[in-house]
Amino acid sequence: MKYSIFILLFFNIFGSNAQNIQLHYDFGEGRQYLTSTVEMFKLDKWGNTFFFIDMDYNGSKMDSENATGIGLAYLEIAREIKMWKAPIAIHLEYNGGLSANKNVRTFGTAILIGPSYTFLSKDFSSSLTIMALYKNIRNTLNNQPNNFQFTMVWTKNFMKNKITFNGFLDYWKENHLVFTKNGSPIASDYVFLCEPQLWYNLNKNVSLGGEVELSNDFAGGAGFFARPTIAAKWNF
């Protein structure tokens, strides 16, 4: 799910090509809104392509005269190039989005590039991808575009593929402002974001579960947050 995504490698029960739609209800403190996610992953002989689009239906909660049902839309699209036998791929990625609240900067448009390495179990039930990326972020505080990001993405299937545990972890450098609960701004240089998901697969198409967004100094919030969701997913 959101903001990082993300670059999920779907070596699981849905095969090497996967598309899904998720609907999450976020019941974290001060949230209580729906988020939809559309994901696509496809392998080819030159590597793989992944993208997701998140939309937060929290427009009525935004401090904006122009707020509508969708308060935020966010996209990540990634391409991994691997036309050789060596296990390391070249990862290219773009992140960006739009917010209904023009007065609050929740994320920066970014371009990422770097090596990616994937570990696979022999039966393809488990995968772990590790990336070390250069990250160029537009419009950072004090105009510091050159940054880095470390990413881990994992998938693990249990109980003959009835249970799927997946998610990602991102840690990156970005000079930005976050705000305490009383609204005081604080400058921060690093962001931590981890979103583990747990799904019960009713069949090949329908999954029920959710995720927990674990973050520190992320999306304007100062300090650590744990924001759970409950969700349903349709796998095409």
Protein backbone atom coordinates (compact mmCIF):
# COMPACT_ATOMS: atom_id res chain seq x y z
CA MET A 1 0.00 0.00 0.00
CA LYS A 2 0.74 3.68 0.07
CA TYR A 3 3.83 5.92 -0.38
CA SER A 4 6.41 3.60 -1.08
CA ILE A 5 5.58 0.97 -2.12
CA PHE A 6 6.29 0.08 -2.70
CA ILE A 7 7.97 -2.43 -5.22
CA LEU A 8 6.18 -5.61 -4.52
CA LEU A 9 7.50 -8.82 -6.12
CA PHE A 10 4.51 -11.16 -6.54
CA PHE A 11 6.18 -14.59 -6.62
CA ASN A 12 3.20 -16.10 -4.82
CA ILE A 13 0.01 -17.99 -5.54
CA PHE A 14 -1.06 -15.53 -8.22
CA GLY A 15 1.92 -16.24 -10.43
CA SER A 16 4.53 -14.05 -12.06
CA ASN A 17 1.97 -11.53 -13.36
CA ALA A 18 -0.48 -10.00 -10.88
CA GLN A 19 -3.04 -7.24 -10.70
CA ASN A 20 -5.26 -6.44 -7.73
CA ILE A 21 -7.58 -3.83 -6.21
CA GLN A 22 -7.58 -3.23 -2.45
CA LEU A 23 -9.98 -1.24 -0.26
CA HIS A 24 -8.69 -0.34 3.22
CA TYR A 25 -10.50 1.27 6.13
CA ASP A 26 -7.96 3.22 8.18
CA PHE A 27 -9.04 3.38 11.83
CA GLY A 28 -5.87 4.99 13.19
CA GLU A 29 -6.13 8.01 15.48
CA GLY A 30 -7.61 10.97 13.60
CA ARG A 31 -7.99 8.99 10.36
CA GLN A 32 -11.24 6.99 9.93
CA TYR A 33 -11.41 7.01 6.15
CA LEU A 34 -11.14 4.66 3.17
CA THR A 35 -8.13 4.19 0.90
CA SER A 36 -8.22 2.34 -2.42
CA THR A 37 -5.11 0.80 -3.98
CA VAL A 38 -4.62 -0.51 -7.51
CA GLU A 39 -1.49 -2.62 -8.09
CA MET A 40 0.04 -4.23 -11.17
CA PHE A 41 3.13 -6.40 -11.47
CA LYS A 42 4.37 -7.98 -14.70
CA LEU A 43 7.48 -9.97 -15.60
CA ASP A 44 9.03 -9.98 -19.06
CA LYS A 45 12.31 -11.08 -20.62
CA TRP A 46 13.94 -7.69 -19.84
CA GLY A 47 12.95 -7.57 -16.16
CA ASN A 48 9.70 -6.48 -14.53
CA THR A 49 7.33 -3.53 -14.15
CA PHE A 50 5.38 -2.57 -11.05
CA PHE A 51 3.04 0.31 -10.22
CA PHE A 52 0.43 1.21 -7.65
CA ILE A 53 -2.02 4.09 -7.28
CA ASP A 54 -3.40 5.07 -3.86
CA MET A 55 -6.38 7.35 -3.30
CA ASP A 56 -7.37 8.55 0.18
CA TYR A 57 -11.08 9.35 0.49
CA ASN A 58 -10.56 11.95 3.21
CA GLY A 59 -11.42 15.18 1.39
CA SER A 60 -13.90 16.22 4.06
CA LYS A 61 -11.09 16.05 6.66
CA MET A 62 -8.70 18.28 4.70
CA ASP A 63 -8.35 21.95 5.56
CA SER A 64 -9.11 23.14 2.06
CA GLU A 65 -12.00 25.01 0.49
CA ASN A 66 -11.64 22.84 -2.62
CA ALA A 67 -11.58 19.48 -0.78
CA THR A 68 -13.67 16.77 -2.43
CA GLY A 69 -14.16 13.08 -1.69
CA ILE A 70 -10.57 12.26 -2.72
CA GLY A 71 -8.15 14.14 -0.49
CA LEU A 72 -4.94 12.64 -1.85
CA ALA A 73 -3.82 10.61 -4.89
CA TYR A 74 -0.38 9.03 -5.04
CA LEU A 75 1.51 7.01 -7.68
CA GLU A 76 4.65 4.89 -7.68
CA ILE A 77 5.86 3.24 -10.88
CA ALA A 78 9.02 1.14 -11.06
CA ARG A 79 10.95 -0.72 -13.71
CA GLU A 80 13.62 -3.32 -12.99
CA ILE A 81 16.01 -4.10 -15.83
CA LYS A 82 17.71 -7.50 -15.88
CA MET A 83 18.84 -8.88 -19.24
CA TRP A 84 21.76 -10.87 -17.81
CA LYS A 85 22.37 -13.92 -15.59
CA ALA A 86 23.86 -11.98 -12.68
CA PRO A 87 21.35 -11.73 -9.76
CA ILE A 88 21.50 -7.93 -9.47
CA ALA A 89 18.95 -5.83 -11.39
CA ILE A 90 18.86 -2.09 -12.10
CA HIS A 91 15.89 -0.44 -10.39
CA LEU A 92 14.29 2.76 -11.79
CA GLU A 93 11.36 4.43 -10.00
CA TYR A 94 9.16 7.54 -10.01
CA ASN A 95 7.05 8.72 -7.04
CA GLY A 96 4.55 11.57 -7.05
CA GLY A 97 1.01 12.68 -6.33
CA LEU A 98 -1.54 15.40 -5.65
CA SER A 99 -3.18 16.65 -2.45
CA ALA A 100 -6.47 18.54 -2.05
CA ASN A 101 -4.81 20.64 0.63
CA LYS A 102 -2.43 22.95 -1.22
CA ASN A 103 -1.10 24.38 2.05
CA VAL A 104 0.36 21.12 3.37
CA ARG A 105 3.25 19.31 1.70
CA THR A 106 2.76 15.60 2.43
CA PHE A 107 5.39 14.17 0.05
CA GLY A 108 7.90 15.18 -2.58
CA THR A 109 8.10 14.11 -6.21
CA ALA A 110 11.11 11.80 -6.51
CA ILE A 111 13.16 9.81 -9.00
CA LEU A 112 15.12 6.79 -7.74
CA ILE A 113 17.80 4.56 -9.28
CA GLY A 114 20.05 1.83 -7.93
CA PRO A 115 20.78 -1.91 -7.64
CA SER A 116 18.20 -4.49 -6.57
CA TYR A 117 18.77 -8.07 -5.39
CA THR A 118 16.04 -10.70 -4.89
CA PHE A 119 16.23 -13.86 -2.78
CA LEU A 120 13.71 -16.60 -3.71
CA SER A 121 12.87 -19.84 -1.94
CA LYS A 122 13.09 -23.01 -4.03
CA ASP A 123 9.29 -23.44 -4.06
CA PHE A 124 8.69 -19.70 -4.78
CA SER A 125 6.57 -19.38 -1.62
CA SER A 126 8.92 -16.73 -0.17
CA SER A 127 10.81 -13.76 -1.60
CA LEU A 128 12.91 -10.93 -0.26
CA THR A 129 14.09 -7.98 -2.37
CA ILE A 130 16.71 -5.52 -1.13
CA MET A 131 17.43 -2.17 -2.83
CA ALA A 132 20.02 0.57 -2.24
CA LEU A 133 18.86 3.63 -4.19
CA TYR A 134 19.90 7.15 -5.04
CA LYS A 135 16.83 9.36 -4.49
CA ASN A 136 16.39 12.79 -6.08
CA ILE A 137 13.55 14.67 -4.35
CA ARG A 138 12.14 17.93 -5.71
CA ASN A 139 11.35 20.92 -3.48
CA THR A 140 12.93 19.66 -0.29
CA LEU A 141 13.44 21.92 2.70
CA ASN A 142 16.61 24.02 2.16
CA ASN A 143 16.76 22.72 -1.43
CA GLN A 144 18.62 19.45 -0.82
CA PRO A 145 17.52 17.15 -3.69
CA ASN A 146 20.30 14.53 -3.43
CA ASN A 147 19.30 11.77 -1.01
CA PHE A 148 19.29 7.99 -0.58
CA GLN A 149 16.76 5.26 0.17
CA PHE A 150 17.09 1.71 1.51
CA THR A 151 14.17 -0.60 0.72
CA MET A 152 13.18 -4.15 1.63
CA VAL A 153 10.14 -5.94 0.13
CA TRP A 154 8.99 -9.39 1.19
CA THR A 155 6.34 -12.05 0.55
CA LYS A 156 5.74 -15.24 2.54
CA ASN A 157 2.93 -17.77 2.00
CA PHE A 158 1.75 -20.20 4.69
CA MET A 159 -0.79 -23.01 5.07
CA LYS A 160 -0.77 -24.09 1.42
CA ASN A 161 -1.09 -20.47 0.27
CA LYS A 162 -4.14 -19.70 2.44
CA ILE A 163 -2.16 -17.06 4.41
CA THR A 164 0.05 -14.40 2.81
CA PHE A 165 2.37 -12.13 4.80
CA ASN A 166 3.90 -9.36 2.68
CA GLY A 167 4.97 -5.77 2.86
CA PHE A 168 7.85 -3.34 2.60
CA LEU A 169 10.25 -1.26 4.66
CA ASP A 170 11.68 2.09 3.50
CA TYR A 171 14.29 4.28 5.16
CA TRP A 172 15.34 7.43 3.36
CA LYS A 173 17.00 10.81 3.79
CA GLU A 174 14.86 13.88 3.16
CA ASN A 175 15.19 17.31 4.74
CA HIS A 176 11.56 18.15 5.62
CA LEU A 177 9.23 19.62 8.23
CA VAL A 178 7.03 17.56 10.54
CA PHE A 179 4.50 18.82 13.05
CA THR A 180 3.80 17.90 16.66
CA LYS A 181 0.25 17.33 17.92
CA ASN A 182 0.04 20.98 18.99
CA GLY A 183 1.12 22.13 15.52
CA SER A 184 4.73 23.08 16.24
CA PRO A 185 7.05 22.54 13.24
CA ILE A 186 10.22 20.45 13.60
CA ALA A 187 12.93 19.93 10.97
CA SER A 188 13.73 16.28 10.27
CA ASP A 189 16.32 14.64 7.99
CA TYR A 190 15.19 11.00 7.87
CA VAL A 191 11.97 9.06 7.29
CA PHE A 192 11.08 5.51 8.32
CA LEU A 193 8.07 3.72 6.82
CA CYS A 194 7.08 0.05 7.09
CA GLU A 195 3.76 -1.49 6.00
CA PRO A 196 3.36 -5.20 6.81
CA GLN A 197 0.20 -6.79 5.40
CA LEU A 198 -1.50 -10.05 6.40
CA TRP A 199 -4.10 -11.68 4.12
CA TYR A 200 -6.36 -14.72 4.36
CA ASN A 201 -6.93 -15.95 0.80
CA LEU A 202 -10.53 -17.20 0.56
CA ASN A 203 -9.82 -18.31 -3.00
CA LYS A 204 -7.65 -17.24 -5.94
CA ASN A 205 -9.56 -13.98 -6.33
CA VAL A 206 -10.71 -12.80 -2.88
CA SER A 207 -8.50 -11.99 0.13
CA LEU A 208 -9.39 -10.46 3.51
CA GLY A 209 -6.92 -8.90 5.92
CA GLY A 210 -5.24 -5.58 6.50
CA GLU A 211 -2.02 -3.78 7.27
CA VAL A 212 -0.29 -1.61 9.84
CA GLU A 213 1.49 1.55 8.74
CA LEU A 214 4.51 1.98 11.02
CA SER A 215 6.20 5.32 10.45
CA ASN A 216 8.50 7.90 11.98
CA ASP A 217 8.59 11.56 10.84
CA PHE A 218 6.42 10.69 7.83
CA ALA A 219 3.75 12.69 5.94
CA GLY A 220 3.93 15.69 8.27
CA GLY A 221 3.62 13.79 11.55
CA ALA A 222 6.44 14.20 14.10
CA GLY A 223 7.53 11.02 15.83
CA PHE A 224 6.38 7.42 15.63
CA PHE A 225 2.91 6.27 14.53
CA ALA A 226 1.20 2.87 14.18
CA ARG A 227 -1.89 3.10 11.94
CA PRO A 228 -3.84 -0.14 11.37
CA THR A 229 -6.36 -0.92 8.63
CA ILE A 230 -8.81 -3.67 7.76
CA ALA A 231 -9.12 -4.48 4.08
CA ALA A 232 -10.46 -6.60 1.24
CA LYS A 233 -8.60 -7.42 -1.97
CA TRP A 234 -9.70 -8.66 -5.38
CA ASN A 235 -7.00 -10.44 -7.37
CA PHE A 236 -7.46 -10.54 -11.13
